[in-house]
N, C-alpha and C. Protein backbone atom coordinates (compact mmCIF):
# COMPACT_ATOMS: atom_id res chain seq x y z
N MET A 1 70.21 18.47 -14.70
CA MET A 1 70.28 17.62 -15.88
C MET A 1 69.48 18.28 -17.01
N GLU A 2 70.09 18.30 -18.17
CA GLU A 2 69.43 18.90 -19.34
C GLU A 2 68.54 17.86 -20.02
N SER A 3 67.38 18.29 -20.47
CA SER A 3 66.43 17.39 -21.13
C SER A 3 66.90 17.05 -22.54
N ARG A 4 66.30 16.02 -23.12
CA ARG A 4 66.62 15.65 -24.51
C ARG A 4 66.32 16.80 -25.45
N ILE A 5 65.21 17.48 -25.21
CA ILE A 5 64.84 18.60 -26.07
C ILE A 5 65.85 19.73 -25.92
N GLY A 6 66.26 20.00 -24.68
CA GLY A 6 67.26 21.04 -24.43
C GLY A 6 68.57 20.73 -25.12
N LYS A 7 68.99 19.47 -25.06
CA LYS A 7 70.24 19.05 -25.72
C LYS A 7 70.13 19.23 -27.23
N LYS A 8 69.00 18.85 -27.77
CA LYS A 8 68.79 18.97 -29.22
C LYS A 8 68.85 20.43 -29.66
N PHE A 9 68.17 21.30 -28.91
CA PHE A 9 68.19 22.72 -29.25
C PHE A 9 69.60 23.29 -29.12
N SER A 10 70.36 22.84 -28.13
CA SER A 10 71.74 23.31 -27.97
C SER A 10 72.59 22.91 -29.17
N ARG A 11 72.45 21.64 -29.60
CA ARG A 11 73.23 21.17 -30.76
C ARG A 11 72.84 21.94 -32.02
N LEU A 12 71.56 22.15 -32.21
CA LEU A 12 71.12 22.90 -33.39
C LEU A 12 71.62 24.33 -33.35
N ASN A 13 71.59 24.94 -32.18
CA ASN A 13 72.06 26.31 -32.02
C ASN A 13 73.54 26.43 -32.37
N GLU A 14 74.34 25.43 -31.98
CA GLU A 14 75.76 25.43 -32.31
C GLU A 14 75.99 25.41 -33.81
N LYS A 15 75.07 24.78 -34.54
CA LYS A 15 75.17 24.68 -36.00
C LYS A 15 74.50 25.86 -36.70
N GLY A 16 73.92 26.78 -35.92
CA GLY A 16 73.21 27.91 -36.53
C GLY A 16 71.85 27.52 -37.08
N GLN A 17 71.31 26.41 -36.59
CA GLN A 17 70.01 25.93 -37.06
C GLN A 17 68.96 26.16 -35.98
N SER A 18 67.71 25.94 -36.34
CA SER A 18 66.63 26.07 -35.38
C SER A 18 65.68 24.89 -35.53
N ALA A 19 64.68 24.84 -34.67
CA ALA A 19 63.70 23.75 -34.71
C ALA A 19 62.34 24.29 -34.30
N LEU A 20 61.33 23.51 -34.59
CA LEU A 20 59.97 23.88 -34.24
C LEU A 20 59.31 22.68 -33.56
N ILE A 21 58.70 22.91 -32.42
CA ILE A 21 57.94 21.87 -31.74
C ILE A 21 56.46 22.18 -31.93
N THR A 22 55.73 21.22 -32.45
CA THR A 22 54.30 21.43 -32.64
C THR A 22 53.51 20.64 -31.60
N TYR A 23 52.34 21.11 -31.30
CA TYR A 23 51.47 20.48 -30.31
C TYR A 23 50.11 20.23 -30.93
N ILE A 24 49.50 19.13 -30.53
CA ILE A 24 48.15 18.81 -30.97
C ILE A 24 47.28 18.71 -29.73
N THR A 25 46.15 19.40 -29.73
CA THR A 25 45.22 19.32 -28.61
C THR A 25 44.30 18.12 -28.82
N ALA A 26 44.37 17.16 -27.92
CA ALA A 26 43.56 15.94 -28.03
C ALA A 26 42.08 16.30 -28.00
N GLY A 27 41.35 15.73 -28.95
CA GLY A 27 39.91 15.94 -28.99
C GLY A 27 39.46 17.17 -29.75
N ASP A 28 40.39 17.88 -30.38
CA ASP A 28 40.02 19.09 -31.11
C ASP A 28 40.34 18.89 -32.58
N PRO A 29 39.43 18.82 -33.46
CA PRO A 29 38.02 19.08 -33.25
C PRO A 29 37.26 17.86 -32.70
N THR A 30 37.75 16.63 -33.02
CA THR A 30 37.12 15.42 -32.46
C THR A 30 38.21 14.42 -32.10
N LEU A 31 37.87 13.43 -31.27
CA LEU A 31 38.85 12.40 -30.94
C LEU A 31 39.26 11.60 -32.17
N LYS A 32 38.31 11.32 -33.07
CA LYS A 32 38.64 10.60 -34.30
C LYS A 32 39.67 11.37 -35.13
N ASP A 33 39.50 12.67 -35.23
CA ASP A 33 40.45 13.49 -35.98
C ASP A 33 41.82 13.49 -35.31
N THR A 34 41.85 13.51 -33.99
CA THR A 34 43.12 13.46 -33.27
C THR A 34 43.86 12.17 -33.59
N VAL A 35 43.15 11.05 -33.58
CA VAL A 35 43.78 9.76 -33.88
C VAL A 35 44.35 9.78 -35.29
N LYS A 36 43.64 10.33 -36.24
CA LYS A 36 44.13 10.41 -37.62
C LYS A 36 45.42 11.23 -37.71
N LEU A 37 45.50 12.28 -36.92
CA LEU A 37 46.67 13.15 -36.97
C LEU A 37 47.93 12.51 -36.39
N VAL A 38 47.77 11.67 -35.38
CA VAL A 38 48.94 11.13 -34.69
C VAL A 38 49.29 9.71 -35.09
N THR A 39 48.54 9.11 -36.00
CA THR A 39 48.88 7.75 -36.44
C THR A 39 49.22 7.73 -37.90
């Protein structure tokens, strides 16, 4: 079974487009800053 992300990348690839997945490390630099970034 293909994941949602895999399906999305496949559809974008068919259109000649791309995507970027970003990650946030929890607690870096502080937990308060992490909360600000994700809310």
